[in-house]
């Protein structure tokens, strides 16, 4: 059961990182961070067809990074916090791990050396 949960979480993380690997989708997420926007508004700065933009939106939506809502003929997109919370939690865990490792390395490097050279004893008898 735990393994299945970890695999499910891994799958959703894979989808999120895949979605964020594309510069167009990252730019779309940056735009949505300022507030909701229609698919047409998201498409404006790009030299891509509306169909291509819709595909990008679908990738972001499947990854749980955005939500869309259709009202009449307009589809509005907004950031979905849950997908980003999972990515942030994963990144935070890795950052904390490396901080602990660097702290341990720093402590090791700052510790005085032990041995004859550190005590001033050359090991030779007078």
Foldseek 3Di string as FASTA:
>chain_A
DVVVVVVVLVVLLVLQVVLCVDPLSVVLLVVQVVHKDWLVVSCVVDPDDSVVSVVSVVSCVVSQQWDWDDDPNTIIIHGRVVSVVSVVVVVVVVVVVVVVVVVVVVVVVPDQDDDCVSVVHPVDDD
